[in-house]
């Protein structure tokens, strides 16, 4: 009976769900770093964390009830932004920092952009998405150039920037995938 339940529980594709993590997957960071470097990392992570929250919220409020390819793409975009948001939240805690208390303001900005563009139609949704991702690439590039990140975080930022540019981490363009 137990074997049948296990088989039924895993008979669907779980590849899009992040696997369960344990304490070995995390690392306490920042020990021995100069306070100036840590402050720069804190500001950079807070910036990325709040902007990813805004991006997630934009996509969330652009999605309609309609069952269509356009909404499917928006759901995928939202899911990717949620992953980035989670990654930066984890990094904040690994460094001993807390998320910004004003992040709620970014949620409201995301709501305003997302819902307004949804009311204006698909063209406005697409323009908003292009604007958001273009700004994100700019922020990632600027923060990669101006902050002395630890190597693992730097690699993660570079990988996320490539994804936002439409290039998968295996070197292929996302637009070429089926």
Protein backbone atom coordinates (compact mmCIF):
# COMPACT_ATOMS: atom_id res chain seq x y z
CA UNK A 1 0.00 0.00 0.00
CA UNK A 2 2.75 2.42 0.95
CA UNK A 3 4.62 1.69 -2.27
CA UNK A 4 1.47 2.39 -4.31
CA UNK A 5 0.95 5.75 -2.53
CA UNK A 6 4.55 6.71 -3.19
CA UNK A 7 4.20 5.79 -6.86
CA UNK A 8 0.98 7.81 -7.17
CA UNK A 9 2.55 10.82 -5.46
CA UNK A 10 5.51 10.90 -7.85
CA UNK A 11 3.78 9.90 -11.08
CA UNK A 12 3.69 13.52 -12.22
CA UNK A 13 6.56 15.71 -13.38
CA UNK A 14 8.15 17.46 -10.42
CA UNK A 15 11.09 18.87 -12.38
CA UNK A 16 9.72 22.41 -12.22
CA UNK A 17 9.51 22.29 -8.44
CA UNK A 18 12.66 23.12 -6.54
CA UNK A 19 13.74 20.01 -4.62
CA UNK A 20 13.48 20.03 -0.86
CA UNK A 21 16.53 21.63 0.68
CA UNK A 22 18.32 20.79 3.90
CA UNK A 23 20.79 22.63 6.10
CA UNK A 24 23.76 21.36 4.07
CA UNK A 25 22.47 23.38 1.09
CA UNK A 26 23.07 26.63 2.96
CA UNK A 27 26.21 28.40 4.02
CA UNK A 28 26.70 31.20 6.50
CA UNK A 29 28.45 33.99 4.64
CA UNK A 30 30.34 37.15 5.41
CA UNK A 31 32.52 36.00 8.29
CA UNK A 32 35.85 37.82 8.16
CA UNK A 33 34.71 40.34 5.54
CA UNK A 34 35.32 44.02 6.04
CA UNK A 35 32.27 46.00 7.14
CA UNK A 36 32.41 48.22 4.03
CA UNK A 37 32.24 45.17 1.77
CA UNK A 38 29.42 43.64 3.82
CA UNK A 39 27.43 46.87 3.65
CA UNK A 40 27.77 46.96 -0.14
CA UNK A 41 26.65 43.33 -0.37
CA UNK A 42 23.71 44.07 1.95
CA UNK A 43 22.57 47.00 -0.18
CA UNK A 44 22.98 44.99 -3.38
CA UNK A 45 21.01 42.02 -2.06
CA UNK A 46 18.25 44.27 -0.71
CA UNK A 47 18.01 45.99 -4.10
CA UNK A 48 17.78 42.70 -5.98
CA UNK A 49 15.36 41.17 -3.48
CA UNK A 50 12.91 44.08 -3.61
CA UNK A 51 13.11 44.40 -7.39
CA UNK A 52 12.41 40.69 -7.84
CA UNK A 53 9.38 41.07 -5.57
CA UNK A 54 8.18 43.92 -7.78
CA UNK A 55 8.73 41.85 -10.95
CA UNK A 56 6.90 38.84 -9.48
CA UNK A 57 3.98 41.07 -8.53
CA UNK A 58 3.84 42.69 -11.97
CA UNK A 59 3.53 39.31 -13.68
CA UNK A 60 1.06 38.05 -11.05
CA UNK A 61 -1.36 40.89 -11.76
CA UNK A 62 -1.00 40.63 -15.53
CA UNK A 63 -2.34 37.06 -15.56
CA UNK A 64 -6.04 36.71 -16.37
CA UNK A 65 -8.45 33.79 -15.99
CA UNK A 66 -8.24 33.04 -19.70
CA UNK A 67 -6.71 29.67 -20.54
CA UNK A 68 -4.28 30.69 -23.28
CA UNK A 69 -0.64 30.60 -24.35
CA UNK A 70 -0.12 34.24 -23.34
CA UNK A 71 -1.12 33.51 -19.73
CA UNK A 72 1.03 30.38 -19.74
CA UNK A 73 4.03 32.51 -20.66
CA UNK A 74 3.19 35.04 -17.93
CA UNK A 75 2.94 32.22 -15.38
CA UNK A 76 6.37 30.95 -16.43
CA UNK A 77 7.81 34.48 -16.13
CA UNK A 78 6.24 34.89 -12.68
CA UNK A 79 7.60 31.52 -11.57
CA UNK A 80 11.13 32.49 -12.68
CA UNK A 81 10.90 35.78 -10.78
CA UNK A 82 9.68 33.93 -7.68
CA UNK A 83 12.76 31.72 -7.85
CA UNK A 84 15.04 34.76 -8.08
CA UNK A 85 13.20 36.39 -5.16
CA UNK A 86 13.66 33.26 -3.07
CA UNK A 87 17.35 33.01 -4.00
CA UNK A 88 18.03 36.57 -2.81
CA UNK A 89 16.02 36.09 0.35
CA UNK A 90 18.15 33.05 1.18
CA UNK A 91 21.35 35.03 0.47
CA UNK A 92 20.15 37.83 2.77
CA UNK A 93 19.68 35.36 5.62
CA UNK A 94 22.95 33.54 4.89
CA UNK A 95 24.74 36.86 5.37
CA UNK A 96 22.79 37.56 8.54
CA UNK A 97 20.66 40.33 6.98
CA UNK A 98 16.89 40.75 6.93
CA UNK A 99 14.65 41.74 4.00
CA UNK A 100 13.85 45.43 3.70
CA UNK A 101 10.98 46.69 5.79
CA UNK A 102 9.90 48.88 2.84
CA UNK A 103 9.58 45.95 0.43
CA UNK A 104 5.80 46.30 0.70
CA UNK A 105 6.14 49.53 -1.31
CA UNK A 106 7.71 47.51 -4.14
CA UNK A 107 4.78 45.10 -3.97
CA UNK A 108 2.39 48.05 -4.46
CA UNK A 109 4.45 49.39 -7.37
CA UNK A 110 4.40 45.92 -8.94
CA UNK A 111 0.66 45.75 -8.45
CA UNK A 112 0.20 49.17 -10.09
CA UNK A 113 2.34 48.29 -13.12
CA UNK A 114 0.91 44.79 -13.47
CA UNK A 115 -2.75 45.61 -13.07
CA UNK A 116 -2.57 48.82 -15.12
CA UNK A 117 -0.83 47.09 -18.02
CA UNK A 118 -3.37 44.26 -17.82
CA UNK A 119 -6.21 46.79 -18.15
CA UNK A 120 -4.46 48.35 -21.15
CA UNK A 121 -4.09 45.03 -22.99
CA UNK A 122 -1.47 42.64 -24.31
CA UNK A 123 0.67 45.27 -25.99
CA UNK A 124 1.02 47.16 -22.70
CA UNK A 125 1.77 43.89 -20.87
CA UNK A 126 4.54 43.09 -23.35
CA UNK A 127 5.99 46.62 -23.16
CA UNK A 128 5.96 46.43 -19.36
CA UNK A 129 7.71 43.05 -19.43
CA UNK A 130 10.39 44.35 -21.79
CA UNK A 131 10.90 47.44 -19.63
CA UNK A 132 11.15 45.37 -16.42
CA UNK A 133 13.64 42.86 -17.84
CA UNK A 134 15.75 45.60 -19.50
CA UNK A 135 15.97 47.44 -16.17
CA UNK A 136 16.80 44.18 -14.41
CA UNK A 137 19.72 43.44 -16.76
CA UNK A 138 20.99 46.98 -16.16
CA UNK A 139 20.75 46.55 -12.35
CA UNK A 140 22.44 43.16 -12.41
CA UNK A 141 25.27 44.49 -14.59
CA UNK A 142 25.78 47.54 -12.40
CA UNK A 143 25.77 45.52 -9.18
CA UNK A 144 28.15 42.91 -10.63
CA UNK A 145 30.59 45.67 -11.59
CA UNK A 146 30.42 47.70 -8.37
CA UNK A 147 30.22 45.14 -5.55
CA UNK A 148 32.88 42.69 -4.39
CA UNK A 149 30.59 39.62 -4.15
CA UNK A 150 31.70 36.24 -2.85
CA UNK A 151 32.37 33.93 -5.80
CA UNK A 152 29.27 31.75 -5.41
CA UNK A 153 26.93 34.75 -5.23
CA UNK A 154 28.68 36.37 -8.22
CA UNK A 155 28.12 33.21 -10.29
CA UNK A 156 24.47 33.15 -9.27
CA UNK A 157 24.04 36.81 -10.27
CA UNK A 158 25.70 36.22 -13.64
CA UNK A 159 23.49 33.19 -14.30
CA UNK A 160 20.34 35.14 -13.40
CA UNK A 161 21.41 38.07 -15.59
CA UNK A 162 21.88 35.69 -18.54
CA UNK A 163 18.40 34.29 -17.95
CA UNK A 164 16.96 37.81 -17.95
CA UNK A 165 18.76 38.44 -21.24
CA UNK A 166 16.99 35.39 -22.70
CA UNK A 167 20.05 33.14 -22.65
CA UNK A 168 19.79 29.88 -20.76
CA UNK A 169 22.59 28.79 -18.49
CA UNK A 170 23.44 26.02 -20.96
CA UNK A 171 24.21 28.69 -23.59
CA UNK A 172 21.07 28.32 -25.72
CA UNK A 173 18.56 31.07 -26.28
CA UNK A 174 15.25 30.48 -24.51
CA UNK A 175 13.46 31.70 -27.61
CA UNK A 176 14.89 28.73 -29.56
CA UNK A 177 13.33 26.19 -27.23
CA UNK A 178 10.09 24.39 -27.97
